[in-house]
């Protein structure tokens, strides 16, 4: 299997696992340009903050370890934003997203 196919397959597996463990959250999993890492973010919380998992090269994790680490780190990311891990946390995440949109919205002239 080519590195590109492996990275895309691993991204799909991790995304499905995150959506299963933490339903309703907007998870994004994408491979790096050299296909050695996966960038994982919850876009409803932050488009900039997330975490990285090495899937090839000297720092690579075993395939099962990468999946378990992604689930653990996904939960930690939710905790850092003070969002519960369950489906109830979806409303909290929406509120955080709404609050951020309001903060950066340009003032409207009446």
C-alpha atoms as a PDB file:
ATOM      1  CA  UNK A   1       0.000   0.000   0.000  1.00  0.00           C
ATOM      2  CA  UNK A   2       1.368   3.423  -0.921  1.00  0.00           C
ATOM      3  CA  UNK A   3       1.925   6.020   1.835  1.00  0.00           C
ATOM      4  CA  UNK A   4      -0.871   8.149   0.364  1.00  0.00           C
ATOM      5  CA  UNK A   5      -3.420   5.324   0.494  1.00  0.00           C
ATOM      6  CA  UNK A   6      -2.314   4.283   3.976  1.00  0.00           C
ATOM      7  CA  UNK A   7      -2.638   7.855   5.287  1.00  0.00           C
ATOM      8  CA  UNK A   8      -6.078   8.324   3.748  1.00  0.00           C
ATOM      9  CA  UNK A   9      -7.296   4.968   5.081  1.00  0.00           C
ATOM     10  CA  UNK A  10      -5.948   5.713   8.569  1.00  0.00           C
ATOM     11  CA  UNK A  11      -7.573   9.189   8.458  1.00  0.00           C
ATOM     12  CA  UNK A  12     -10.903   7.572   7.566  1.00  0.00           C
ATOM     13  CA  UNK A  13     -10.593   5.016  10.388  1.00  0.00           C
ATOM     14  CA  UNK A  14      -9.759   7.668  12.975  1.00  0.00           C
ATOM     15  CA  UNK A  15     -12.511  10.020  11.770  1.00  0.00           C
ATOM     16  CA  UNK A  16     -15.078   7.222  12.002  1.00  0.00           C
ATOM     17  CA  UNK A  17     -13.840   6.318  15.490  1.00  0.00           C
ATOM     18  CA  UNK A  18     -14.043   9.924  16.685  1.00  0.00           C
ATOM     19  CA  UNK A  19     -17.558  10.326  15.284  1.00  0.00           C
ATOM     20  CA  UNK A  20     -18.576   7.078  16.997  1.00  0.00           C
ATOM     21  CA  UNK A  21     -17.024   7.962  20.383  1.00  0.00           C
ATOM     22  CA  UNK A  22     -18.002  11.642  20.360  1.00  0.00           C
ATOM     23  CA  UNK A  23     -21.150  11.898  18.205  1.00  0.00           C
ATOM     24  CA  UNK A  24     -22.308  15.219  16.874  1.00  0.00           C
ATOM     25  CA  UNK A  25     -18.931  16.925  17.037  1.00  0.00           C
ATOM     26  CA  UNK A  26     -17.369  18.288  13.852  1.00  0.00           C
ATOM     27  CA  UNK A  27     -14.110  16.307  13.611  1.00  0.00           C
ATOM     28  CA  UNK A  28     -11.621  16.899  10.799  1.00  0.00           C
ATOM     29  CA  UNK A  29      -8.786  14.447  10.113  1.00  0.00           C
ATOM     30  CA  UNK A  30      -6.337  15.171   7.339  1.00  0.00           C
ATOM     31  CA  UNK A  31      -2.907  13.840   6.377  1.00  0.00           C
ATOM     32  CA  UNK A  32       0.130  16.087   6.187  1.00  0.00           C
ATOM     33  CA  UNK A  33       1.728  16.891   2.831  1.00  0.00           C
ATOM     34  CA  UNK A  34       4.303  14.097   3.263  1.00  0.00           C
ATOM     35  CA  UNK A  35       1.673  11.639   4.607  1.00  0.00           C
ATOM     36  CA  UNK A  36       3.672  10.981   7.798  1.00  0.00           C
ATOM     37  CA  UNK A  37       1.217  12.561  10.247  1.00  0.00           C
ATOM     38  CA  UNK A  38      -2.486  13.141  10.688  1.00  0.00           C
ATOM     39  CA  UNK A  39      -3.787  16.502  11.853  1.00  0.00           C
ATOM     40  CA  UNK A  40      -6.928  16.123  13.964  1.00  0.00           C
ATOM     41  CA  UNK A  41      -9.210  19.021  14.931  1.00  0.00           C
ATOM     42  CA  UNK A  42     -12.708  19.690  16.165  1.00  0.00           C
ATOM     43  CA  UNK A  43     -13.767  22.466  13.810  1.00  0.00           C
ATOM     44  CA  UNK A  44     -16.694  23.515  15.931  1.00  0.00           C
ATOM     45  CA  UNK A  45     -14.246  24.365  18.743  1.00  0.00           C
ATOM     46  CA  UNK A  46     -11.224  25.671  16.853  1.00  0.00           C
ATOM     47  CA  UNK A  47      -9.916  25.533  13.307  1.00  0.00           C
ATOM     48  CA  UNK A  48      -6.377  26.150  14.590  1.00  0.00           C
ATOM     49  CA  UNK A  49      -6.055  23.981  17.690  1.00  0.00           C
ATOM     50  CA  UNK A  50      -5.881  20.226  17.487  1.00  0.00           C
ATOM     51  CA  UNK A  51      -3.320  17.466  17.682  1.00  0.00           C
ATOM     52  CA  UNK A  52      -1.006  15.461  15.488  1.00  0.00           C
ATOM     53  CA  UNK A  53      -0.424  11.703  15.301  1.00  0.00           C
ATOM     54  CA  UNK A  54       2.622  10.221  13.565  1.00  0.00           C
ATOM     55  CA  UNK A  55       1.631   7.311  11.323  1.00  0.00           C
ATOM     56  CA  UNK A  56       4.904   6.699   9.472  1.00  0.00           C
ATOM     57  CA  UNK A  57       8.581   7.330   9.980  1.00  0.00           C
ATOM     58  CA  UNK A  58      10.704   6.893  13.112  1.00  0.00           C
ATOM     59  CA  UNK A  59       8.064   8.368  15.463  1.00  0.00           C
ATOM     60  CA  UNK A  60       5.201   6.299  14.047  1.00  0.00           C
ATOM     61  CA  UNK A  61       2.783   4.535  16.359  1.00  0.00           C
ATOM     62  CA  UNK A  62       1.460   1.036  15.870  1.00  0.00           C
ATOM     63  CA  UNK A  63      -1.852   1.173  13.941  1.00  0.00           C
ATOM     64  CA  UNK A  64      -3.992   0.161  16.935  1.00  0.00           C
ATOM     65  CA  UNK A  65      -2.117   2.559  19.221  1.00  0.00           C
ATOM     66  CA  UNK A  66      -2.780   5.440  16.814  1.00  0.00           C
ATOM     67  CA  UNK A  67      -6.535   4.757  16.939  1.00  0.00           C
ATOM     68  CA  UNK A  68      -6.574   4.567  20.753  1.00  0.00           C
ATOM     69  CA  UNK A  69      -4.437   7.682  21.054  1.00  0.00           C
ATOM     70  CA  UNK A  70      -6.736   9.614  18.721  1.00  0.00           C
ATOM     71  CA  UNK A  71      -9.782   8.710  20.838  1.00  0.00           C
ATOM     72  CA  UNK A  72      -7.978   9.714  24.046  1.00  0.00           C
ATOM     73  CA  UNK A  73      -6.667  12.970  22.569  1.00  0.00           C
ATOM     74  CA  UNK A  74     -10.091  13.789  21.120  1.00  0.00           C
ATOM     75  CA  UNK A  75     -11.572  13.511  24.604  1.00  0.00           C
ATOM     76  CA  UNK A  76      -8.771  15.627  26.020  1.00  0.00           C
ATOM     77  CA  UNK A  77      -9.398  18.322  23.404  1.00  0.00           C
ATOM     78  CA  UNK A  78     -13.064  18.431  24.420  1.00  0.00           C
ATOM     79  CA  UNK A  79     -12.063  18.685  28.078  1.00  0.00           C
ATOM     80  CA  UNK A  80      -9.679  21.567  27.393  1.00  0.00           C
ATOM     81  CA  UNK A  81     -12.598  23.512  25.941  1.00  0.00           C
ATOM     82  CA  UNK A  82     -14.768  22.408  28.898  1.00  0.00           C
ATOM     83  CA  UNK A  83     -17.127  20.487  26.646  1.00  0.00           C
ATOM     84  CA  UNK A  84     -18.507  17.174  27.895  1.00  0.00           C
ATOM     85  CA  UNK A  85     -17.536  14.100  25.925  1.00  0.00           C
ATOM     86  CA  UNK A  86     -21.095  12.873  25.417  1.00  0.00           C
ATOM     87  CA  UNK A  87     -23.662  13.967  22.876  1.00  0.00           C
ATOM     88  CA  UNK A  88     -24.819  16.592  25.391  1.00  0.00           C
ATOM     89  CA  UNK A  89     -21.552  18.396  24.785  1.00  0.00           C
ATOM     90  CA  UNK A  90     -22.766  19.295  21.312  1.00  0.00           C
ATOM     91  CA  UNK A  91     -24.833  22.194  22.665  1.00  0.00           C
ATOM     92  CA  UNK A  92     -21.813  23.423  24.613  1.00  0.00           C
ATOM     93  CA  UNK A  93     -19.683  23.257  21.460  1.00  0.00           C
ATOM     94  CA  UNK A  94     -22.315  25.149  19.492  1.00  0.00           C
ATOM     95  CA  UNK A  95     -22.383  27.855  22.151  1.00  0.00           C
ATOM     96  CA  UNK A  96     -18.586  28.189  22.045  1.00  0.00           C
ATOM     97  CA  UNK A  97     -18.750  28.456  18.235  1.00  0.00           C
ATOM     98  CA  UNK A  98     -21.532  31.049  18.435  1.00  0.00           C
ATOM     99  CA  UNK A  99     -19.650  33.086  21.056  1.00  0.00           C
ATOM    100  CA  UNK A 100     -16.511  33.136  18.923  1.00  0.00           C
ATOM    101  CA  UNK A 101     -18.433  34.210  15.833  1.00  0.00           C
ATOM    102  CA  UNK A 102     -19.979  37.041  17.817  1.00  0.00           C
ATOM    103  CA  UNK A 103     -16.588  38.198  19.126  1.00  0.00           C
ATOM    104  CA  UNK A 104     -15.098  38.490  15.648  1.00  0.00           C
ATOM    105  CA  UNK A 105     -18.152  39.870  13.911  1.00  0.00           C
ATOM    106  CA  UNK A 106     -17.775  43.388  12.517  1.00  0.00           C
ATOM    107  CA  UNK A 107     -20.023  45.979  14.149  1.00  0.00           C
ATOM    108  CA  UNK A 108     -23.160  46.797  12.177  1.00  0.00           C
ATOM    109  CA  UNK A 109     -24.264  50.378  11.621  1.00  0.00           C
ATOM    110  CA  UNK A 110     -27.895  50.921  12.488  1.00  0.00           C
END
